[in-house]
Protein backbone atom coordinates (compact mmCIF):
# COMPACT_ATOMS: atom_id res chain seq x y z
CA UNK A 1 12.71 -27.11 21.28
CA UNK A 2 10.23 -24.26 21.10
CA UNK A 3 11.48 -20.68 20.87
CA UNK A 4 9.31 -19.89 23.89
CA UNK A 5 11.13 -22.46 26.03
CA UNK A 6 13.80 -19.87 26.86
CA UNK A 7 11.11 -17.94 28.74
CA UNK A 8 9.18 -20.84 30.28
CA UNK A 9 11.29 -23.94 30.95
CA UNK A 10 13.75 -24.51 33.77
CA UNK A 11 14.06 -23.78 37.47
CA UNK A 12 15.24 -20.22 36.92
CA UNK A 13 12.12 -19.42 34.91
CA UNK A 14 9.79 -19.84 37.89
CA UNK A 15 9.27 -16.03 38.10
CA UNK A 16 8.36 -15.94 34.40
CA UNK A 17 5.82 -18.70 34.87
CA UNK A 18 4.40 -16.83 37.84
CA UNK A 19 3.65 -13.88 35.57
CA UNK A 20 2.02 -16.18 33.02
CA UNK A 21 -0.15 -17.65 35.79
CA UNK A 22 -1.17 -14.05 36.57
CA UNK A 23 -2.53 -13.88 33.01
CA UNK A 24 -4.76 -16.85 33.78
CA UNK A 25 -2.60 -19.27 31.81
CA UNK A 26 -2.52 -22.91 32.84
CA UNK A 27 0.52 -25.21 32.88
CA UNK A 28 -0.97 -27.06 29.93
CA UNK A 29 -1.12 -23.81 27.93
CA UNK A 30 2.51 -23.12 28.82
CA UNK A 31 3.53 -26.48 27.33
CA UNK A 32 2.04 -25.56 23.96
CA UNK A 33 3.62 -23.30 21.31
CA UNK A 34 3.02 -19.63 22.14
CA UNK A 35 1.57 -17.74 19.19
CA UNK A 36 1.69 -13.95 19.17
CA UNK A 37 -1.40 -12.39 17.60
CA UNK A 38 -0.54 -8.86 16.44
CA UNK A 39 -3.77 -6.89 16.24
CA UNK A 40 -4.08 -3.31 14.98
CA UNK A 41 -7.74 -3.02 16.03
CA UNK A 42 -8.90 0.46 17.04
CA UNK A 43 -11.92 2.75 16.94
CA UNK A 44 -10.30 5.24 14.56
CA UNK A 45 -9.95 3.34 11.29
CA UNK A 46 -13.05 1.83 9.59
CA UNK A 47 -10.89 -0.97 8.25
CA UNK A 48 -9.93 -1.89 11.80
CA UNK A 49 -13.10 -1.50 13.81
CA UNK A 50 -13.98 -5.19 13.38
CA UNK A 51 -10.53 -6.67 13.91
CA UNK A 52 -11.47 -7.84 17.40
CA UNK A 53 -13.78 -10.33 15.66
CA UNK A 54 -10.98 -11.41 13.31
CA UNK A 55 -8.56 -11.77 16.24
CA UNK A 56 -11.04 -13.90 18.17
CA UNK A 57 -11.38 -16.20 15.18
CA UNK A 58 -7.59 -16.41 14.79
CA UNK A 59 -7.20 -17.35 18.45
CA UNK A 60 -9.93 -19.97 18.10
CA UNK A 61 -7.97 -21.45 15.20
CA UNK A 62 -4.71 -21.45 17.16
CA UNK A 63 -6.36 -23.25 20.07
CA UNK A 64 -8.06 -25.78 17.79
CA UNK A 65 -4.63 -26.67 16.41
CA UNK A 66 -3.04 -27.03 19.83
CA UNK A 67 -1.39 -23.65 20.40
CA UNK A 68 -1.69 -20.89 22.96
CA UNK A 69 -2.49 -17.46 21.48
CA UNK A 70 -1.35 -14.23 23.11
CA UNK A 71 -2.68 -11.02 21.61
CA UNK A 72 -0.85 -7.69 21.57
CA UNK A 73 -1.54 -4.38 19.75
CA UNK A 74 0.07 -1.89 17.44
CA UNK A 75 -1.00 1.51 16.12
CA UNK A 76 -2.79 2.42 12.91
CA UNK A 77 -3.39 5.62 10.91
CA UNK A 78 -6.34 6.09 8.56
CA UNK A 79 -4.94 7.96 5.56
CA UNK A 80 -8.42 9.14 4.59
CA UNK A 81 -8.90 10.89 7.93
CA UNK A 82 -5.32 12.20 7.91
CA UNK A 83 -5.62 13.59 4.37
CA UNK A 84 -4.91 17.26 3.60
CA UNK A 85 -3.71 18.37 7.04
CA UNK A 86 -0.59 17.90 9.18
CA UNK A 87 -1.79 14.46 10.27
CA UNK A 88 -0.75 13.00 6.91
CA UNK A 89 2.88 13.73 7.76
CA UNK A 90 2.57 10.96 10.37
CA UNK A 91 1.30 8.26 8.02
CA UNK A 92 4.48 7.01 6.35
CA UNK A 93 6.63 7.33 9.50
CA UNK A 94 4.01 5.17 11.26
CA UNK A 95 5.07 2.27 9.02
CA UNK A 96 8.51 2.26 10.64
CA UNK A 97 7.05 2.58 14.13
CA UNK A 98 4.70 -0.34 13.53
CA UNK A 99 7.56 -2.57 12.40
CA UNK A 100 9.73 -1.48 15.31
CA UNK A 101 7.00 -1.93 17.93
CA UNK A 102 6.26 -5.46 16.74
CA UNK A 103 9.95 -6.33 16.79
CA UNK A 104 10.14 -5.08 20.38
CA UNK A 105 7.10 -7.05 21.56
CA UNK A 106 8.02 -10.26 19.72
CA UNK A 107 11.60 -10.17 21.00
CA UNK A 108 10.67 -9.33 24.59
CA UNK A 109 8.38 -12.38 24.51
CA UNK A 110 9.94 -15.19 22.43
CA UNK A 111 6.89 -16.39 20.53
CA UNK A 112 7.05 -19.61 18.53
CA UNK A 113 4.89 -18.16 15.78
CA UNK A 114 3.08 -14.98 14.84
CA UNK A 115 -0.23 -14.08 13.21
CA UNK A 116 -0.44 -10.53 11.84
CA UNK A 117 -3.85 -8.81 11.63
CA UNK A 118 -3.66 -5.50 9.72
CA UNK A 119 -5.94 -3.90 7.18
CA UNK A 120 -5.15 -0.40 6.04
CA UNK A 121 -2.52 1.79 4.43
CA UNK A 122 0.85 1.68 6.29
CA UNK A 123 -0.21 -1.02 8.74
CA UNK A 124 0.02 -3.83 6.16
CA UNK A 125 3.55 -2.98 4.95
CA UNK A 126 4.66 -2.21 8.50
CA UNK A 127 3.57 -5.67 9.62
CA UNK A 128 5.14 -7.33 6.58
CA UNK A 129 8.42 -5.56 7.37
CA UNK A 130 8.28 -6.89 10.93
CA UNK A 131 7.39 -10.37 9.70
CA UNK A 132 10.48 -10.58 7.50
CA UNK A 133 12.73 -8.85 10.03
CA UNK A 134 11.84 -11.31 12.82
CA UNK A 135 11.69 -14.36 10.52
CA UNK A 136 9.57 -16.42 12.90
CA UNK A 137 6.95 -18.81 11.40
CA UNK A 138 4.20 -16.34 10.53
CA UNK A 139 1.02 -15.73 8.58
CA UNK A 140 -0.98 -12.61 7.72
CA UNK A 141 -4.78 -12.34 7.79
CA UNK A 142 -6.21 -8.94 6.93
CA UNK A 143 -9.60 -7.60 7.94
CA UNK A 144 -10.72 -7.61 4.30
CA UNK A 145 -12.09 -4.99 1.91
CA UNK A 146 -15.10 -2.77 2.47
CA UNK A 147 -18.10 -3.28 0.24
CA UNK A 148 -18.76 -0.40 -2.18
CA UNK A 149 -21.54 2.05 -1.44
CA UNK A 150 -24.64 2.88 -3.47
CA UNK A 151 -25.90 6.34 -4.38
CA UNK A 152 -28.82 7.03 -6.69
CA UNK A 153 -28.44 3.63 -8.30
CA UNK A 154 -24.69 3.94 -8.86
CA UNK A 155 -21.84 2.10 -7.15
CA UNK A 156 -19.54 4.53 -5.32
CA UNK A 157 -16.65 4.61 -2.86
CA UNK A 158 -14.61 7.11 -0.84
CA UNK A 159 -12.95 8.53 -3.96
CA UNK A 160 -16.38 9.46 -5.34
CA UNK A 161 -16.82 11.73 -2.32
CA UNK A 162 -13.38 13.31 -2.71
CA UNK A 163 -14.15 14.06 -6.35
CA UNK A 164 -17.60 15.28 -5.37
CA UNK A 165 -16.00 18.27 -3.64
CA UNK A 166 -14.67 19.49 -6.99
CA UNK A 167 -18.03 18.86 -8.63
CA UNK A 168 -19.73 21.09 -6.07
CA UNK A 169 -17.17 23.80 -6.89
CA UNK A 170 -18.12 23.81 -10.58
CA UNK A 171 -21.85 23.42 -9.93
CA UNK A 172 -22.33 19.91 -11.34
CA UNK A 173 -23.42 18.66 -7.89
CA UNK A 174 -25.17 20.42 -5.05
CA UNK A 175 -23.94 20.48 -1.46
CA UNK A 176 -27.12 18.67 -0.44
CA UNK A 177 -26.35 15.85 -2.90
CA UNK A 178 -22.80 15.63 -1.57
CA UNK A 179 -24.12 15.40 1.99
CA UNK A 180 -26.34 12.47 1.01
CA UNK A 181 -23.48 10.83 -0.86
CA UNK A 182 -21.04 11.07 2.03
CA UNK A 183 -23.43 9.09 4.24
CA UNK A 184 -23.48 6.05 1.96
CA UNK A 185 -20.11 5.90 0.17
CA UNK A 186 -18.49 3.84 2.94
CA UNK A 187 -21.20 1.40 4.12
CA UNK A 188 -19.30 -0.34 6.92
CA UNK A 189 -16.14 -2.03 8.09
CA UNK A 190 -13.19 -2.89 5.88
CA UNK A 191 -10.39 -1.28 3.90
CA UNK A 192 -11.80 1.21 1.37
CA UNK A 193 -13.45 -0.64 -1.50
CA UNK A 194 -11.20 0.05 -4.50
CA UNK A 195 -7.67 -0.94 -5.50
CA UNK A 196 -6.25 1.64 -3.16
CA UNK A 197 -3.10 1.16 -1.06
CA UNK A 198 -4.52 -1.08 1.67
CA UNK A 199 -6.21 -3.49 -0.71
CA UNK A 200 -3.20 -3.40 -3.03
CA UNK A 201 -0.94 -4.55 -0.19
CA UNK A 202 -3.44 -7.14 1.08
CA UNK A 203 -3.70 -8.60 -2.43
CA UNK A 204 0.08 -8.61 -2.81
CA UNK A 205 0.58 -10.36 0.54
CA UNK A 206 -1.52 -13.14 -0.96
CA UNK A 207 0.43 -13.07 -4.23
CA UNK A 208 3.71 -13.30 -2.29
CA UNK A 209 2.51 -16.40 -0.46
CA UNK A 210 2.48 -14.76 3.00
CA UNK A 211 -1.28 -15.13 3.46
CA UNK A 212 -3.90 -17.70 2.54
CA UNK A 213 -5.78 -17.61 -0.78
CA UNK A 214 -8.67 -15.17 -0.43
CA UNK A 215 -6.88 -12.84 1.98
CA UNK A 216 -6.86 -9.92 -0.44
CA UNK A 217 -10.44 -10.07 -1.67
CA UNK A 218 -12.91 -11.80 0.70
CA UNK A 219 -15.15 -8.91 1.87
CA UNK A 220 -14.77 -7.73 5.45
CA UNK A 221 -18.38 -8.16 6.65
CA UNK A 222 -18.73 -11.81 5.57
CA UNK A 223 -18.55 -15.03 7.53
CA UNK A 224 -16.05 -16.27 4.94
CA UNK A 225 -13.57 -13.72 6.33
CA UNK A 226 -14.07 -15.13 9.85
CA UNK A 227 -13.56 -18.67 8.58
CA UNK A 228 -10.38 -17.61 6.81
CA UNK A 229 -9.14 -16.11 10.08
CA UNK A 230 -9.72 -19.44 11.84
CA UNK A 231 -7.86 -21.20 9.02
CA UNK A 232 -4.96 -18.76 9.46
CA UNK A 233 -4.84 -19.48 13.18
CA UNK A 234 -4.69 -23.20 12.52
CA UNK A 235 -2.19 -22.85 9.69
CA UNK A 236 0.37 -20.94 11.75
CA UNK A 237 0.65 -24.04 13.93
CA UNK A 238 1.58 -26.08 10.86
CA UNK A 239 4.20 -23.47 9.96
CA UNK A 240 5.65 -23.71 13.47
CA UNK A 241 5.73 -27.51 13.29
CA UNK A 242 7.46 -27.50 9.89
CA UNK A 243 9.60 -24.44 10.75
CA UNK A 244 8.57 -22.66 7.55
CA UNK A 245 9.63 -19.04 7.92
CA UNK A 246 8.84 -15.86 5.97
CA UNK A 247 12.28 -15.76 4.34
CA UNK A 248 11.73 -19.31 3.08
CA UNK A 249 8.71 -17.90 1.23
CA UNK A 250 9.98 -14.49 0.14
CA UNK A 251 12.74 -15.14 -2.39
CA UNK A 252 13.81 -13.40 -5.59
CA UNK A 253 11.31 -15.54 -7.50
CA UNK A 254 8.38 -14.68 -5.24
CA UNK A 255 9.41 -11.00 -5.40
CA UNK A 256 9.10 -11.17 -9.19
CA UNK A 257 5.70 -12.86 -8.78
CA UNK A 258 4.53 -10.08 -6.48
CA UNK A 259 5.59 -7.27 -8.82
CA UNK A 260 4.02 -9.11 -11.78
CA UNK A 261 0.67 -9.34 -9.97
CA UNK A 262 1.05 -5.69 -8.93
CA UNK A 263 1.29 -4.70 -12.61
CA UNK A 264 -1.54 -6.98 -13.74
CA UNK A 265 -3.91 -5.64 -11.07
CA UNK A 266 -2.99 -1.96 -11.51
CA UNK A 267 -2.18 -1.50 -7.83
CA UNK A 268 -1.46 1.70 -5.93
CA UNK A 269 1.75 3.60 -6.69
CA UNK A 270 2.48 3.26 -2.97
CA UNK A 271 3.48 -0.35 -3.63
CA UNK A 272 6.62 1.11 -5.22
CA UNK A 273 7.47 2.53 -1.77
CA UNK A 274 6.41 -0.43 0.32
CA UNK A 275 7.70 -3.46 -1.57
CA UNK A 276 11.34 -2.26 -1.54
CA UNK A 277 11.01 -1.54 2.20
CA UNK A 278 9.54 -4.99 2.86
CA UNK A 279 12.07 -6.91 0.79
CA UNK A 280 14.93 -4.95 2.33
CA UNK A 281 14.06 -6.69 5.59
CA UNK A 282 14.70 -10.01 3.82
CA UNK A 283 18.02 -8.64 2.53
CA UNK A 284 16.66 -8.52 -1.02
CA UNK A 285 17.29 -5.48 -3.20
CA UNK A 286 14.31 -4.16 -5.16
CA UNK A 287 15.02 -1.13 -7.34
CA UNK A 288 12.65 1.00 -9.39
CA UNK A 289 14.17 -0.59 -12.48
CA UNK A 290 12.61 -3.95 -11.57
CA UNK A 291 9.15 -2.37 -11.49
CA UNK A 292 9.59 -0.88 -14.93
CA UNK A 293 11.18 -4.00 -16.40
CA UNK A 294 8.30 -6.20 -15.23
CA UNK A 295 5.68 -3.59 -16.14
CA UNK A 296 6.85 -3.53 -19.76
CA UNK A 297 6.21 -7.28 -20.16
CA UNK A 298 3.13 -7.71 -17.95
CA UNK A 299 -0.35 -7.00 -19.37
CA UNK A 300 -2.80 -4.99 -17.29
CA UNK A 301 -5.73 -7.35 -16.66
CA UNK A 302 -7.83 -5.33 -14.19
CA UNK A 303 -9.13 -1.77 -14.02
CA UNK A 304 -10.46 -1.43 -10.50
CA UNK A 305 -11.45 1.87 -8.88
CA UNK A 306 -10.03 4.48 -9.34
CA UNK A 307 -8.91 3.25 -12.78
CA UNK A 308 -12.28 1.69 -13.63
CA UNK A 309 -15.78 0.94 -12.35
CA UNK A 310 -15.10 -2.30 -10.46
CA UNK A 311 -14.20 -2.84 -6.82
CA UNK A 312 -12.40 -5.49 -4.76
CA UNK A 313 -15.69 -7.27 -4.10
CA UNK A 314 -16.05 -7.63 -7.89
CA UNK A 315 -12.51 -9.00 -8.12
CA UNK A 316 -13.42 -11.59 -5.51
CA UNK A 317 -16.53 -12.64 -7.44
CA UNK A 318 -14.43 -12.84 -10.60
CA UNK A 319 -12.05 -15.41 -9.10
CA UNK A 320 -9.76 -13.26 -6.95
CA UNK A 321 -5.98 -13.31 -6.87
CA UNK A 322 -5.79 -17.06 -7.67
CA UNK A 323 -7.61 -16.46 -10.98
CA UNK A 324 -5.27 -13.58 -11.85
CA UNK A 325 -2.16 -15.61 -10.99
CA UNK A 326 -3.45 -18.65 -12.85
CA UNK A 327 -4.01 -16.56 -15.97
CA UNK A 328 -0.51 -15.09 -15.71
CA UNK A 329 1.01 -18.52 -15.03
CA UNK A 330 -0.51 -19.97 -18.20
CA UNK A 331 1.75 -17.67 -20.23
CA UNK A 332 4.83 -18.35 -18.09
CA UNK A 333 4.78 -15.03 -16.23
CA UNK A 334 4.51 -16.58 -12.74
CA UNK A 335 6.93 -18.98 -11.03
CA UNK A 336 4.86 -21.85 -9.63
CA UNK A 337 7.64 -23.46 -7.57
CA UNK A 338 7.73 -20.83 -4.84
CA UNK A 339 6.71 -21.82 -1.30
CA UNK A 340 3.63 -20.34 0.41
CA UNK A 341 2.17 -20.27 3.93
CA UNK A 342 -0.07 -23.21 3.03
CA UNK A 343 3.08 -25.34 3.24
CA UNK A 344 2.67 -26.09 -0.45
CA UNK A 345 4.03 -24.42 -3.56
CA UNK A 346 2.02 -21.86 -5.47
CA UNK A 347 1.53 -24.39 -8.26
CA UNK A 348 0.10 -26.93 -5.81
CA UNK A 349 -2.23 -24.28 -4.39
CA UNK A 350 -3.56 -23.38 -7.82
CA UNK A 351 -3.95 -27.03 -8.76
CA UNK A 352 -6.04 -27.61 -5.64
CA UNK A 353 -8.14 -24.46 -6.14
CA UNK A 354 -8.67 -24.85 -9.91
CA UNK A 355 -9.33 -21.10 -10.22
CA UNK A 356 -10.88 -19.61 -13.32
CA UNK A 357 -12.05 -16.21 -14.47
CA UNK A 358 -15.74 -15.98 -13.62
CA UNK A 359 -16.34 -12.38 -14.68
CA UNK A 360 -14.25 -11.55 -17.77
CA UNK A 361 -15.27 -7.90 -17.61
CA UNK A 362 -13.41 -7.69 -14.26
CA UNK A 363 -10.39 -9.92 -15.00
CA UNK A 364 -9.35 -9.89 -18.63
CA UNK A 365 -7.17 -12.53 -20.26
CA UNK A 366 -3.56 -12.12 -21.30
CA UNK A 367 -4.78 -12.38 -24.90
CA UNK A 368 -7.20 -9.44 -24.46
CA UNK A 369 -5.80 -7.18 -21.73
CA UNK A 370 -6.71 -3.59 -20.97
CA UNK A 371 -3.18 -2.74 -22.07
CA UNK A 372 -0.05 -4.64 -23.01
CA UNK A 373 1.88 -3.01 -20.18
CA UNK A 374 1.33 -3.07 -16.43
CA UNK A 375 -0.48 -0.55 -14.30
CA UNK A 376 2.59 1.35 -13.08
CA UNK A 377 5.35 3.12 -15.03
CA UNK A 378 8.67 4.47 -13.80
CA UNK A 379 9.74 7.74 -15.41
CA UNK A 380 13.24 9.19 -15.50
CA UNK A 381 14.78 12.36 -16.90
CA UNK A 382 16.45 15.52 -15.67
CA UNK A 383 13.43 16.21 -13.44
CA UNK A 384 13.64 12.75 -11.86
CA UNK A 385 17.20 11.48 -12.10
CA UNK A 386 16.50 8.61 -9.68
CA UNK A 387 12.96 8.05 -10.90
CA UNK A 388 9.30 8.95 -10.46
CA UNK A 389 6.18 6.80 -10.48
CA UNK A 390 2.77 7.06 -12.16
CA UNK A 391 -0.25 4.77 -12.24
CA UNK A 392 -0.45 4.72 -16.03
CA UNK A 393 -3.56 2.52 -16.02
CA UNK A 394 -5.46 5.46 -14.47
CA UNK A 395 -4.17 8.16 -16.86
CA UNK A 396 -6.40 9.51 -19.62
CA UNK A 397 -5.03 8.67 -23.10
CA UNK A 398 -4.64 12.34 -24.00
CA UNK A 399 -2.35 12.87 -20.98
CA UNK A 400 0.09 10.06 -21.73
CA UNK A 401 2.26 12.51 -23.67
CA UNK A 402 1.99 16.19 -22.82
CA UNK A 403 4.05 19.37 -22.59
CA UNK A 404 2.63 21.87 -20.14
CA UNK A 405 3.33 25.03 -18.18
CA UNK A 406 4.64 24.69 -14.63
CA UNK A 407 2.57 26.09 -11.79
CA UNK A 408 4.79 25.84 -8.73
CA UNK A 409 3.66 25.41 -5.11
CA UNK A 410 5.78 24.87 -2.01
CA UNK A 411 3.17 22.76 -0.20
CA UNK A 412 -0.01 20.77 -0.73
CA UNK A 413 -2.09 23.43 0.99
CA UNK A 414 -0.93 26.13 -1.44
CA UNK A 415 -1.79 23.92 -4.41
CA UNK A 416 -5.24 22.98 -3.08
CA UNK A 417 -6.08 26.66 -2.50
CA UNK A 418 -5.19 27.44 -6.12
CA UNK A 419 -7.05 24.43 -7.53
CA UNK A 420 -10.20 25.08 -5.49
CA UNK A 421 -9.94 28.76 -6.37
CA UNK A 422 -10.10 27.78 -10.06
CA UNK A 423 -6.67 29.29 -10.73
CA UNK A 424 -5.45 26.17 -12.55
CA UNK A 425 -6.35 25.87 -16.23
CA UNK A 426 -6.06 23.32 -19.01
CA UNK A 427 -2.44 22.76 -20.04
CA UNK A 428 -0.99 23.51 -16.62
CA UNK A 429 1.41 21.16 -14.82
CA UNK A 430 0.91 21.58 -11.08
CA UNK A 431 4.24 21.10 -9.26
CA UNK A 432 4.03 20.47 -5.50
CA UNK A 433 7.44 20.25 -3.87
CA UNK A 434 8.98 20.09 -0.39
CA UNK A 435 6.62 17.21 0.42
CA UNK A 436 9.15 14.34 0.17
CA UNK A 437 10.33 12.03 2.97
CA UNK A 438 12.93 14.56 4.16
CA UNK A 439 11.34 17.84 3.08
CA UNK A 440 7.75 17.15 4.08
CA UNK A 441 8.79 15.66 6.28
CA UNK A 442 6.84 12.43 6.07
CA UNK A 443 6.01 12.36 2.34
CA UNK A 444 2.33 13.20 2.50
CA UNK A 445 -0.23 11.44 0.34
CA UNK A 446 -2.16 13.92 -1.83
CA UNK A 447 -5.60 12.67 -2.72
CA UNK A 448 -7.25 16.05 -2.16
CA UNK A 449 -5.56 17.95 -5.05
CA UNK A 450 -5.81 15.07 -7.52
CA UNK A 451 -9.47 14.49 -6.68
CA UNK A 452 -10.17 18.21 -6.95
CA UNK A 453 -8.60 18.28 -10.42
CA UNK A 454 -10.76 15.32 -11.49
CA UNK A 455 -13.87 16.78 -9.88
CA UNK A 456 -13.33 20.06 -11.70
CA UNK A 457 -13.28 18.18 -14.99
CA UNK A 458 -9.56 18.78 -15.62
CA UNK A 459 -8.35 15.19 -15.29
CA UNK A 460 -7.66 15.01 -19.02
CA UNK A 461 -6.04 18.46 -19.18
CA UNK A 462 -3.88 18.99 -16.10
CA UNK A 463 -0.91 16.99 -14.75
CA UNK A 464 0.34 17.01 -11.17
CA UNK A 465 3.98 16.40 -10.22
CA UNK A 466 5.36 16.05 -6.70
CA UNK A 467 8.20 14.75 -4.58
CA UNK A 468 5.45 13.60 -2.25
CA UNK A 469 3.17 10.67 -2.99
CA UNK A 470 -0.39 9.90 -4.03
CA UNK A 471 -3.20 7.83 -2.65
CA UNK A 472 -4.01 4.51 -4.27
CA UNK A 473 -7.31 6.25 -4.98
CA UNK A 474 -5.66 8.86 -7.20
CA UNK A 475 -6.31 8.87 -10.92
CA UNK A 476 -5.07 11.09 -13.71
CA UNK A 477 -1.58 12.21 -14.75
CA UNK A 478 -0.36 12.28 -11.16
CA UNK A 479 3.40 11.66 -11.06
CA UNK A 480 4.87 11.23 -7.61
CA UNK A 481 7.95 10.09 -5.68
CA UNK A 482 10.11 12.43 -7.79
CA UNK A 483 13.66 11.69 -6.69
CA UNK A 484 15.88 13.33 -5.65
CA UNK A 485 13.34 15.44 -3.77
CA UNK A 486 13.58 19.22 -3.51
CA UNK A 487 14.98 19.18 0.04
CA UNK A 488 17.84 16.94 -1.14
CA UNK A 489 18.76 19.26 -3.99
CA UNK A 490 16.65 17.64 -6.69
CA UNK A 491 15.85 19.47 -9.92
CA UNK A 492 12.19 19.76 -8.83
CA UNK A 493 13.45 22.40 -6.40
CA UNK A 494 14.71 24.50 -9.32
CA UNK A 495 11.47 24.59 -11.33
CA UNK A 496 10.09 28.10 -11.78
CA UNK A 497 6.60 29.33 -12.61
CA UNK A 498 6.07 29.24 -16.38
CA UNK A 499 8.76 26.65 -17.19
CA UNK A 500 7.77 23.99 -19.72
CA UNK A 501 7.67 20.37 -18.58
CA UNK A 502 7.51 17.46 -21.01
CA UNK A 503 5.78 14.25 -19.88
CA UNK A 504 6.16 11.11 -21.97
CA UNK A 505 4.75 8.12 -20.09
CA UNK A 506 5.14 5.60 -22.96
CA UNK A 507 8.71 6.83 -23.40
CA UNK A 508 9.25 6.74 -19.60
CA UNK A 509 10.53 10.31 -19.64
CA UNK A 510 10.03 13.37 -17.43
CA UNK A 511 11.94 16.46 -18.53
CA UNK A 512 12.19 20.07 -17.42
CA UNK A 513 12.74 22.00 -20.67
CA UNK A 514 15.30 24.40 -19.29
CA UNK A 515 18.89 24.40 -20.57
CA UNK A 516 21.75 23.29 -18.33
CA UNK A 517 23.32 26.76 -18.14
CA UNK A 518 20.11 28.19 -16.67
CA UNK A 519 19.76 25.25 -14.28
CA UNK A 520 23.33 25.77 -13.05
CA UNK A 521 22.56 29.42 -12.41
CA UNK A 522 19.49 28.42 -10.40
CA UNK A 523 21.52 25.83 -8.43
CA UNK A 524 23.94 28.52 -7.26
CA UNK A 525 21.04 30.56 -5.87
CA UNK A 526 19.05 27.63 -4.42
CA UNK A 527 18.42 27.29 -0.70
CA UNK A 528 16.37 24.63 1.08
CA UNK A 529 12.81 25.74 1.72
CA UNK A 530 12.61 26.70 5.42
CA UNK A 531 10.25 24.62 7.53
CA UNK A 532 9.84 24.54 11.29
CA UNK A 533 9.46 20.92 12.43
CA UNK A 534 7.89 20.87 15.87
CA UNK A 535 7.27 17.13 16.14
CA UNK A 536 10.15 15.09 17.57
CA UNK A 537 9.03 12.06 15.53
CA UNK A 538 9.10 14.04 12.30
CA UNK A 539 12.47 15.60 13.16
CA UNK A 540 13.92 12.11 13.59
CA UNK A 541 12.27 10.85 10.42
CA UNK A 542 13.51 13.84 8.41
CA UNK A 543 17.09 13.14 9.52
CA UNK A 544 16.90 9.37 8.93
CA UNK A 545 14.62 8.89 5.91
CA UNK A 546 16.05 7.52 2.69
CA UNK A 547 15.00 8.56 -0.79
CA UNK A 548 11.57 7.56 -2.08
CA UNK A 549 13.47 5.65 -4.77
CA UNK A 550 14.74 3.38 -1.97
CA UNK A 551 11.41 2.96 -0.19
CA UNK A 552 11.65 5.98 2.15
CA UNK A 553 12.89 3.66 4.90
CA UNK A 554 14.80 4.94 7.90
CA UNK A 555 18.53 4.56 7.41
CA UNK A 556 20.30 2.10 9.66
């Protein structure tokens, strides 16, 4: 019996069938499995502007395999366009809305299977949350990564433009040069070209077995991406037939695989927010400790932008996620028995693909990694009792251990004004607080201040700490997700201008060098920073959001 039979079959369902006839559906189509095609296409996000083409290919695949596709939409926010203004407060809450809206649509219409078509930022994790929550046979096919741009013979991307703003400020680039650069950094459709959040999550969906091999790296503008979309449409029909569901695929072993690949690739720090939220939907607990435990024993094999010169298109040419997983599996770091959406185990997939590293400068071997530890580190200490996260693969060596002077700001805007005004100097530790899930509210991503610091040439001299979060495009000693956040009474709310802060990334420590007696005195005088929240969505999110250490999900 198909899940959709409850809506279609039987005398009493004549009115339902009448509405399906109104859609132009035939009786033959009603007899076939109904496949929901969740499409986040829009004309706002460059990564989504071509998803109508991907959706058409998916539907072609569904029909070729004997199913009936029914497309429905969800929203999407472009973090790049939302950056450094109040719009960024909406980005993380949109993840919850995306998951909820899909649950509503896919419960109101009892589909037999689902194909998810996301591409950017919070849309990928939002769809993965819905996939595991609904637990209907499902597959994900992203729109694919953008190709990098070219400027004066050099390969560039969106982050190059962000950092260009700082370069103009110090006179190492002219405004005219920046204007020319901004026209060619993002050459077309796709999720921004580096190992930023969207591509990190698309690669990890492949590593988790929830999408077909190639999903994370096949470039957006290619016919190979369209063919993969057709394959995904056909494959969901096989999943329906065999009743293979997302929670059959996402187990504790596949979770460990996903985090291992995360560390090997040097993915965005946002994965530390999204993976716990996703696995929570499968009733699996993923703590920050798991990230650090796996990071300590997983070598970093890739240094993609912003950590290095290569882009996702280079990773694809080098062998993609299968080559990375195969290299990790050879040393016993990957479980090959886990199930995938191909209907075969990961080991069977790799055996069929026979992947190998084709560009060793892009994917290094376990024997000769960029570093012996993974791309992300979890720090703890009196300044982050529940943890903080840093992309250690993108930190300059001289900033791995540093004691600096606190420069305290109550918002991102205040910090950016000071940075752009050249009021931050070498040795400073910029502290941006009241930007967490509750205090922001919405936990804004802060690519503008980190890029400005890099563009000003201070990336090896200045650290940035926040209870907010950073873009996957951030590089430098940018330590985010500090928990508890200031609004929840965290120590970051007690930091004062001129305090000394000790950062020890290898030692996994983040300490405010103020004695306990002084901290207790400050606690007695502390009051939450006053903020007027006009948005009803943000008021709800502020009341319901959990700690960043728990994925910043809304509490049930």
